Amino acid sequence: MSAPSPAFTAGLADLMDPAESVGLVAEHLAALAEAAGRAGAYAATVSSWGAELARRYNTGAHLLACGNGGSAAEAQHLTGELVGRFRHDRRPLPAVALCADSAAHTAIANDYGFDEVYARQVTAFGRPGDVLVAFSTSGTSPNVVAAAKAGHEAGVTVWALTGPGPNPLASLADDAIAVEAPTTATVQEIHLSLVHAMCLALDHALGVQPAASPAR
């Protein structure tokens, strides 16, 4: 591969203003800090979700999670913390990210349309008493909204993590946190913090304790 021409390199140098880049990064981090400061208002809801999820796990329930793009990654992050662990060792907890099965995902999309990729799986796996955590930064994603509707039909409790409200998903869910933030990226960053906070509340409700230090 040939090296870029000097004219091209010079043009890039003109475009890349370090001071402007620093300003953009600082602006993003300031918006995140502001959104994180407001997130304390969600503490009671997240704590109640953790406690309720612990109660349901103790009765044999499962958790399902879904989202698109970055929100799919959030769904997988949540289920990874549950099947694995959060801070301390505990029993594995049954949780399924509906975005993770590429064969089912593409088969359903091909045969029924993309709007049905999660709803059909919720109908297949969801049972009364289970919980669906639905992620959507817009709160309008048709396939996630359809999943929430399918959850209600199956007797599944729906919790939504969305961007600013009001929005269709938050309105449809049994409970919702609509994050007030200026960009999709910042909403996703707060969602991840709330995922960790819910795991913290869940482990507390389950009585999970740090492993004892070995005797010396």
Protein backbone atom coordinates (compact mmCIF):
# COMPACT_ATOMS: atom_id res chain seq x y z
CA MET A 1 0.00 0.00 0.00
CA SER A 2 1.42 3.37 -0.98
CA ALA A 3 1.93 6.13 1.59
CA PRO A 4 -0.55 9.03 1.66
CA SER A 5 0.48 11.98 -0.45
CA PRO A 6 2.01 15.00 1.32
CA ALA A 7 -0.96 17.10 0.24
CA PHE A 8 -3.39 14.61 1.81
CA THR A 9 -1.39 14.51 5.05
CA ALA A 10 -1.26 18.29 5.17
CA GLY A 11 -5.00 18.44 4.65
CA LEU A 12 -5.58 16.11 7.59
CA ALA A 13 -3.34 18.25 9.77
CA ASP A 14 -5.49 21.25 8.92
CA LEU A 15 -8.63 19.36 9.91
CA MET A 16 -7.32 17.94 13.19
CA ASP A 17 -7.26 20.80 15.65
CA PRO A 18 -6.08 19.34 19.00
CA ALA A 19 -7.73 22.12 20.98
CA GLU A 20 -11.06 21.48 19.28
CA SER A 21 -10.75 17.75 20.00
CA VAL A 22 -10.02 18.40 23.66
CA GLY A 23 -13.05 20.65 23.81
CA LEU A 24 -15.32 18.01 22.30
CA VAL A 25 -14.10 15.37 24.75
CA ALA A 26 -14.47 17.74 27.70
CA GLU A 27 -18.00 18.61 26.57
CA HIS A 28 -18.95 14.92 26.37
CA LEU A 29 -17.51 14.17 29.81
CA ALA A 30 -19.25 17.20 31.31
CA ALA A 31 -22.58 16.01 29.88
CA LEU A 32 -21.93 12.55 31.34
CA ALA A 33 -21.08 14.01 34.75
CA GLU A 34 -24.28 16.06 34.69
CA ALA A 35 -26.38 13.04 33.72
CA ALA A 36 -24.67 10.92 36.37
CA GLY A 37 -25.48 13.56 38.96
CA ARG A 38 -29.15 13.27 38.07
CA ALA A 39 -29.01 9.47 38.16
CA GLY A 40 -29.24 9.47 41.93
CA ALA A 41 -32.95 10.06 41.44
CA TYR A 42 -33.18 6.52 40.04
CA ALA A 43 -31.65 4.85 43.13
CA ALA A 44 -34.93 3.84 44.75
CA THR A 45 -36.25 2.29 41.53
CA VAL A 46 -33.04 0.37 40.84
CA SER A 47 -32.92 -0.86 44.43
CA SER A 48 -36.51 -2.08 44.21
CA TRP A 49 -35.72 -3.88 40.94
CA GLY A 50 -32.79 -5.65 42.57
CA ALA A 51 -34.86 -6.74 45.54
CA GLU A 52 -37.75 -7.90 43.35
CA LEU A 53 -35.42 -9.78 41.04
CA ALA A 54 -33.89 -11.57 44.03
CA ARG A 55 -37.36 -12.60 45.19
CA ARG A 56 -38.23 -13.91 41.75
CA TYR A 57 -34.97 -15.78 41.35
CA ASN A 58 -35.69 -17.51 44.64
CA THR A 59 -38.98 -18.76 43.18
CA GLY A 60 -37.41 -20.10 39.96
CA ALA A 61 -37.95 -17.15 37.61
CA HIS A 62 -35.69 -16.15 34.72
CA LEU A 63 -34.58 -12.83 33.27
CA LEU A 64 -34.70 -11.94 29.58
CA ALA A 65 -33.05 -8.86 28.07
CA CYS A 66 -33.09 -7.20 24.66
CA GLY A 67 -32.01 -4.12 22.77
CA ASN A 68 -30.48 -2.99 19.48
CA GLY A 69 -26.88 -2.00 18.75
CA GLY A 70 -25.31 -0.51 21.85
CA SER A 71 -28.43 -1.46 23.79
CA ALA A 72 -27.94 -5.08 22.69
CA ALA A 73 -24.47 -4.85 24.21
CA GLU A 74 -26.05 -3.52 27.43
CA ALA A 75 -28.46 -6.47 27.45
CA GLN A 76 -25.59 -8.92 27.07
CA HIS A 77 -23.59 -7.10 29.73
CA LEU A 78 -26.47 -7.51 32.18
CA THR A 79 -26.96 -11.21 31.50
CA GLY A 80 -23.22 -11.79 31.67
CA GLU A 81 -23.15 -10.30 35.18
CA LEU A 82 -26.02 -12.58 36.23
CA VAL A 83 -24.88 -15.88 34.73
CA GLY A 84 -21.33 -15.08 35.81
CA ARG A 85 -20.99 -12.80 38.79
CA PHE A 86 -20.85 -9.12 39.67
CA ARG A 87 -18.45 -8.30 42.52
CA HIS A 88 -18.51 -11.46 44.58
CA ASP A 89 -19.03 -15.16 43.96
CA ARG A 90 -22.60 -16.47 44.05
CA ARG A 91 -24.71 -19.05 42.30
CA PRO A 92 -25.25 -18.50 38.58
CA LEU A 93 -28.58 -16.83 37.86
CA PRO A 94 -30.64 -17.74 34.76
CA ALA A 95 -30.59 -14.86 32.29
CA VAL A 96 -30.80 -14.77 28.48
CA ALA A 97 -29.88 -11.93 26.12
CA LEU A 98 -32.29 -12.36 23.23
CA CYS A 99 -29.87 -10.61 20.86
CA ALA A 100 -27.15 -13.24 21.33
CA ASP A 101 -28.55 -16.14 19.27
CA SER A 102 -27.65 -15.11 15.73
CA ALA A 103 -29.30 -18.17 14.12
CA ALA A 104 -32.67 -17.57 15.79
CA HIS A 105 -32.32 -13.83 15.29
CA THR A 106 -31.75 -14.07 11.54
CA ALA A 107 -34.29 -16.86 11.04
CA ILE A 108 -37.04 -14.85 12.70
CA ALA A 109 -36.06 -11.67 10.87
CA ASN A 110 -36.06 -13.52 7.56
CA ASP A 111 -39.40 -15.28 8.08
CA TYR A 112 -41.38 -12.78 10.16
CA GLY A 113 -39.60 -9.44 9.85
CA PHE A 114 -37.14 -7.62 12.08
CA ASP A 115 -39.87 -6.21 14.31
CA GLU A 116 -40.57 -9.74 15.55
CA VAL A 117 -37.01 -10.85 16.42
CA TYR A 118 -37.50 -10.32 20.16
CA ALA A 119 -41.27 -10.72 20.52
CA ARG A 120 -41.17 -14.26 19.17
CA GLN A 121 -38.37 -15.21 21.57
CA VAL A 122 -40.21 -13.66 24.52
CA THR A 123 -43.23 -15.77 23.60
CA ALA A 124 -41.02 -18.86 23.36
CA PHE A 125 -39.06 -18.39 26.60
CA GLY A 126 -41.11 -16.09 28.80
CA ARG A 127 -43.21 -17.53 31.59
CA PRO A 128 -45.40 -15.83 34.21
CA GLY A 129 -43.14 -14.38 36.89
CA ASP A 130 -40.16 -13.87 34.59
CA VAL A 131 -38.70 -10.41 33.99
CA LEU A 132 -37.87 -8.75 30.66
CA VAL A 133 -35.39 -5.87 30.80
CA ALA A 134 -35.86 -3.87 27.60
CA PHE A 135 -33.21 -1.35 26.53
CA SER A 136 -33.90 1.42 23.99
CA THR A 137 -32.23 4.81 24.01
CA SER A 138 -35.07 6.26 21.94
CA GLY A 139 -37.83 4.30 23.61
CA THR A 140 -39.38 3.82 20.18
CA SER A 141 -37.54 0.79 18.71
CA PRO A 142 -40.36 -1.24 17.12
CA ASN A 143 -38.86 -4.66 17.90
CA VAL A 144 -38.25 -3.77 21.55
CA VAL A 145 -41.74 -2.31 21.93
CA ALA A 146 -43.12 -5.50 20.35
CA ALA A 147 -41.09 -7.55 22.85
CA ALA A 148 -42.65 -5.62 25.72
CA LYS A 149 -46.15 -6.29 24.34
CA ALA A 150 -45.33 -9.99 23.98
CA GLY A 151 -44.05 -9.98 27.54
CA HIS A 152 -47.34 -8.69 28.86
CA GLU A 153 -49.21 -11.34 26.90
CA ALA A 154 -46.98 -14.03 28.43
CA GLY A 155 -47.32 -12.75 31.99
CA VAL A 156 -43.76 -11.45 32.04
CA THR A 157 -42.96 -8.29 34.01
CA VAL A 158 -41.37 -5.63 31.80
CA TRP A 159 -38.78 -3.14 33.03
CA ALA A 160 -37.52 -0.56 30.54
CA LEU A 161 -34.35 1.49 30.39
CA THR A 162 -34.82 4.28 27.86
CA GLY A 163 -33.73 7.76 26.93
CA PRO A 164 -35.78 10.86 27.71
CA GLY A 165 -39.47 10.37 28.21
CA PRO A 166 -42.25 10.25 27.49
CA ASN A 167 -41.79 7.47 24.98
CA PRO A 168 -43.79 4.38 23.92
CA LEU A 169 -41.59 1.78 25.64
CA ALA A 170 -41.55 3.56 28.99
CA SER A 171 -45.31 4.00 28.81
CA LEU A 172 -45.84 0.32 28.01
CA ALA A 173 -43.49 -1.11 30.65
CA ASP A 174 -44.54 -2.11 34.15
CA ASP A 175 -41.77 0.16 35.39
CA ALA A 176 -39.23 2.30 33.59
CA ILE A 177 -36.26 4.60 33.99
CA ALA A 178 -36.17 7.27 31.29
CA VAL A 179 -32.68 8.74 31.43
CA GLU A 180 -32.45 12.47 30.80
CA ALA A 181 -29.31 13.03 28.72
CA PRO A 182 -28.50 14.99 25.55
CA THR A 183 -27.03 12.20 23.40
CA THR A 184 -27.49 8.50 22.75
CA ALA A 185 -23.95 7.84 23.94
CA THR A 186 -24.57 9.43 27.32
CA VAL A 187 -27.88 7.59 27.76
CA GLN A 188 -26.03 4.31 27.12
CA GLU A 189 -23.32 5.21 29.61
CA ILE A 190 -25.92 5.86 32.30
CA HIS A 191 -27.71 2.63 31.38
CA LEU A 192 -24.50 0.71 32.05
CA SER A 193 -24.17 2.37 35.45
CA LEU A 194 -27.75 1.39 36.23
CA VAL A 195 -27.05 -2.21 35.16
CA HIS A 196 -24.20 -2.35 37.66
CA ALA A 197 -26.33 -0.67 40.32
CA MET A 198 -29.11 -3.23 39.82
CA CYS A 199 -26.58 -6.07 40.16
CA LEU A 200 -25.33 -4.48 43.37
CA ALA A 201 -28.88 -4.27 44.75
CA LEU A 202 -29.64 -7.82 43.62
CA ASP A 203 -26.58 -9.28 45.31
CA HIS A 204 -27.38 -7.36 48.49
CA ALA A 205 -30.92 -8.76 48.49
CA LEU A 206 -29.58 -12.28 47.90
CA GLY A 207 -27.24 -11.91 50.85
CA VAL A 208 -24.10 -12.29 48.75
CA GLN A 209 -21.00 -11.75 50.85
CA PRO A 210 -17.36 -11.22 49.93
CA ALA A 211 -15.28 -14.37 50.13
CA ALA A 212 -13.56 -14.80 53.45
CA SER A 213 -9.88 -13.94 53.44
CA PRO A 214 -7.66 -17.00 53.89
CA ALA A 215 -6.31 -17.49 57.40
CA ARG A 216 -2.71 -16.45 57.89
